[in-house]
C-alpha cells in the first residue's frame, strides 16, 4: 500500500509593506504577525519538511514553525 502525501501551502506573515498594500519587499514580519503565527502553530499539525522563499518574512515564518527549512529561490 502506498503512503499518501499531504502538502500544505502557508503564506508568509504580514510585513509593514504588505500591511499597507505593497507587494514584493524583503522586510521582516511585523511583531503582530509573529505573535499571531506563534499562536496558530500551537494548533497546527506541523509538516515533516519546510521549503520557503529567501525573503526575510518567509524565512521568519518558516523558523516560527520550529522546523529546519530549505530555502528555495
N, C-alpha and C. Protein backbone atom coordinates (compact mmCIF):
# COMPACT_ATOMS: atom_id res chain seq x y z
N UNK A 1 0.85 -1.18 0.00
CA UNK A 1 0.00 0.00 0.00
C UNK A 1 0.89 1.24 0.00
N UNK A 2 0.59 2.22 -0.83
CA UNK A 2 1.39 3.44 -0.90
C UNK A 2 0.95 4.44 0.16
N UNK A 3 1.87 5.27 0.54
CA UNK A 3 1.61 6.31 1.54
C UNK A 3 1.19 7.59 0.83
N UNK A 4 0.11 8.17 1.28
CA UNK A 4 -0.38 9.40 0.67
C UNK A 4 0.37 10.60 1.25
N UNK A 5 0.79 11.50 0.39
CA UNK A 5 1.48 12.71 0.81
C UNK A 5 0.46 13.82 1.10
N UNK A 6 0.78 14.63 2.06
CA UNK A 6 -0.05 15.79 2.37
C UNK A 6 0.81 17.02 2.14
N UNK A 7 0.31 17.93 1.32
CA UNK A 7 1.03 19.17 1.02
C UNK A 7 0.21 20.34 1.55
N UNK A 8 0.87 21.18 2.33
CA UNK A 8 0.21 22.37 2.88
C UNK A 8 0.98 23.59 2.43
N UNK A 9 0.28 24.57 1.90
CA UNK A 9 0.89 25.83 1.50
C UNK A 9 0.54 26.88 2.55
N UNK A 10 1.55 27.56 3.02
CA UNK A 10 1.36 28.60 4.03
C UNK A 10 2.01 29.87 3.53
N UNK A 11 1.24 30.91 3.44
CA UNK A 11 1.77 32.20 3.01
C UNK A 11 2.60 32.81 4.14
N UNK A 12 3.58 33.57 3.79
CA UNK A 12 4.38 34.24 4.81
C UNK A 12 3.51 35.19 5.61
N UNK A 13 3.98 35.58 6.76
CA UNK A 13 3.25 36.52 7.60
C UNK A 13 3.33 37.95 7.08
N UNK A 14 2.58 38.80 7.70
CA UNK A 14 2.46 40.21 7.30
C UNK A 14 3.75 40.99 7.57
N UNK A 15 4.08 41.90 6.64
CA UNK A 15 5.17 42.86 6.82
C UNK A 15 4.55 44.26 6.81
N UNK A 16 5.30 45.26 7.20
CA UNK A 16 4.77 46.63 7.14
C UNK A 16 4.38 46.99 5.71
N UNK A 17 5.18 46.55 4.76
CA UNK A 17 4.91 46.86 3.36
C UNK A 17 3.62 46.19 2.88
N UNK A 18 3.44 44.92 3.21
CA UNK A 18 2.22 44.23 2.77
C UNK A 18 0.99 44.73 3.52
N UNK A 19 1.18 45.17 4.76
CA UNK A 19 0.06 45.70 5.55
C UNK A 19 -0.55 46.93 4.89
N UNK A 20 0.28 47.70 4.19
CA UNK A 20 -0.20 48.92 3.55
C UNK A 20 -0.48 48.72 2.06
N UNK A 21 -0.56 47.45 1.63
CA UNK A 21 -0.93 47.16 0.25
C UNK A 21 0.23 46.92 -0.69
N UNK A 22 1.44 46.97 -0.18
CA UNK A 22 2.61 46.74 -1.04
C UNK A 22 2.82 45.26 -1.30
N UNK A 23 3.70 44.98 -2.23
CA UNK A 23 3.97 43.60 -2.62
C UNK A 23 5.43 43.45 -3.01
N UNK A 24 6.04 42.34 -2.62
CA UNK A 24 7.36 42.01 -3.12
C UNK A 24 8.54 42.62 -2.41
N UNK A 25 8.41 43.05 -1.18
CA UNK A 25 9.55 43.61 -0.47
C UNK A 25 10.22 42.55 0.39
N UNK A 26 11.46 42.82 0.78
CA UNK A 26 12.21 41.89 1.62
C UNK A 26 12.28 42.47 3.04
N UNK A 27 11.16 42.47 3.72
CA UNK A 27 11.07 43.02 5.07
C UNK A 27 10.78 41.92 6.07
N UNK A 28 11.12 42.17 7.34
CA UNK A 28 10.78 41.20 8.38
C UNK A 28 9.28 41.23 8.69
N UNK A 29 8.83 40.22 9.42
CA UNK A 29 7.44 40.18 9.87
C UNK A 29 7.16 41.33 10.83
N UNK A 30 5.91 41.76 10.87
CA UNK A 30 5.52 42.70 11.92
C UNK A 30 5.45 41.94 13.24
N UNK A 31 5.62 42.61 14.37
CA UNK A 31 5.51 41.92 15.66
C UNK A 31 4.17 41.20 15.82
N UNK A 32 3.09 41.82 15.37
CA UNK A 32 1.77 41.20 15.47
C UNK A 32 1.69 39.93 14.64
N UNK A 33 2.26 39.95 13.45
CA UNK A 33 2.24 38.77 12.58
C UNK A 33 2.99 37.62 13.24
N UNK A 34 4.14 37.91 13.83
CA UNK A 34 4.90 36.87 14.51
C UNK A 34 4.13 36.28 15.68
N UNK A 35 3.48 37.13 16.47
CA UNK A 35 2.67 36.66 17.60
C UNK A 35 1.50 35.80 17.13
N UNK A 36 0.81 36.27 16.10
CA UNK A 36 -0.34 35.52 15.56
C UNK A 36 0.09 34.15 15.03
N UNK A 37 1.22 34.12 14.35
CA UNK A 37 1.71 32.87 13.79
C UNK A 37 2.11 31.90 14.91
N UNK A 38 2.75 32.41 15.95
CA UNK A 38 3.14 31.54 17.08
C UNK A 38 1.90 30.92 17.72
N UNK A 39 0.83 31.67 17.83
CA UNK A 39 -0.43 31.13 18.38
C UNK A 39 -1.02 30.08 17.45
N UNK A 40 -1.01 30.34 16.16
CA UNK A 40 -1.59 29.41 15.18
C UNK A 40 -0.79 28.10 15.14
N UNK A 41 0.52 28.18 15.27
CA UNK A 41 1.37 26.99 15.21
C UNK A 41 1.00 26.00 16.32
N UNK A 42 0.56 26.51 17.45
CA UNK A 42 0.19 25.63 18.56
C UNK A 42 -0.99 24.72 18.20
N UNK A 43 -1.77 25.10 17.21
CA UNK A 43 -2.95 24.34 16.81
C UNK A 43 -2.77 23.61 15.48
N UNK A 44 -1.59 23.73 14.88
CA UNK A 44 -1.34 23.14 13.57
C UNK A 44 -0.68 21.78 13.68
N UNK A 45 -0.91 20.96 12.69
CA UNK A 45 -0.12 19.75 12.51
C UNK A 45 1.12 20.19 11.75
N UNK A 46 2.27 20.10 12.38
CA UNK A 46 3.49 20.60 11.77
C UNK A 46 3.97 19.68 10.65
N UNK A 47 4.52 20.27 9.61
CA UNK A 47 4.97 19.48 8.46
C UNK A 47 6.27 18.74 8.75
N UNK A 48 6.53 17.72 7.94
CA UNK A 48 7.79 16.98 8.02
C UNK A 48 8.93 17.76 7.37
N UNK A 49 8.59 18.54 6.37
CA UNK A 49 9.60 19.28 5.62
C UNK A 49 9.05 20.66 5.27
N UNK A 50 9.91 21.68 5.33
CA UNK A 50 9.50 23.05 5.02
C UNK A 50 10.42 23.60 3.93
N UNK A 51 9.82 24.10 2.87
CA UNK A 51 10.54 24.81 1.81
C UNK A 51 10.06 26.24 1.86
N UNK A 52 10.96 27.19 1.70
CA UNK A 52 10.50 28.58 1.72
C UNK A 52 11.32 29.45 0.78
N UNK A 53 10.76 30.61 0.49
CA UNK A 53 11.43 31.60 -0.35
C UNK A 53 12.53 32.27 0.48
N UNK A 54 13.47 32.96 -0.17
CA UNK A 54 14.59 33.56 0.56
C UNK A 54 14.28 34.88 1.27
N UNK A 55 13.11 35.46 1.07
CA UNK A 55 12.80 36.75 1.71
C UNK A 55 12.75 36.60 3.23
N UNK A 56 13.09 37.70 3.93
CA UNK A 56 13.13 37.69 5.40
C UNK A 56 11.82 37.22 6.02
N UNK A 57 10.72 37.73 5.52
CA UNK A 57 9.42 37.36 6.10
C UNK A 57 9.14 35.87 5.90
N UNK A 58 9.58 35.31 4.79
CA UNK A 58 9.36 33.88 4.53
C UNK A 58 10.23 33.02 5.44
N UNK A 59 11.50 33.40 5.61
CA UNK A 59 12.38 32.60 6.48
C UNK A 59 11.97 32.74 7.95
N UNK A 60 11.49 33.92 8.36
CA UNK A 60 10.98 34.08 9.72
C UNK A 60 9.75 33.21 9.93
N UNK A 61 8.85 33.21 8.96
CA UNK A 61 7.65 32.39 9.06
C UNK A 61 8.03 30.92 9.19
N UNK A 62 8.97 30.46 8.37
CA UNK A 62 9.41 29.07 8.42
C UNK A 62 10.06 28.75 9.77
N UNK A 63 10.86 29.65 10.30
CA UNK A 63 11.54 29.37 11.56
C UNK A 63 10.56 29.32 12.74
N UNK A 64 9.47 30.07 12.67
CA UNK A 64 8.45 30.04 13.72
C UNK A 64 7.77 28.68 13.76
N UNK A 65 7.74 27.98 12.63
CA UNK A 65 7.18 26.64 12.61
C UNK A 65 7.99 25.67 13.47
N UNK A 66 9.21 26.08 13.82
CA UNK A 66 10.03 25.26 14.68
C UNK A 66 10.68 24.09 13.99
N UNK A 67 10.77 24.14 12.69
CA UNK A 67 11.37 23.06 11.90
C UNK A 67 12.55 23.61 11.11
N UNK A 68 13.47 22.73 10.79
CA UNK A 68 14.52 23.11 9.88
C UNK A 68 13.89 23.35 8.52
N UNK A 69 14.40 24.29 7.76
CA UNK A 69 13.81 24.58 6.46
C UNK A 69 14.86 24.73 5.40
N UNK A 70 14.43 24.55 4.17
CA UNK A 70 15.28 24.69 3.00
C UNK A 70 14.82 25.91 2.22
N UNK A 71 15.75 26.81 1.91
CA UNK A 71 15.41 27.99 1.12
C UNK A 71 15.47 27.61 -0.34
N UNK A 72 14.38 27.89 -1.04
CA UNK A 72 14.29 27.63 -2.47
C UNK A 72 14.15 28.97 -3.20
N UNK A 73 15.04 29.25 -4.13
CA UNK A 73 14.94 30.54 -4.86
C UNK A 73 13.72 30.62 -5.75
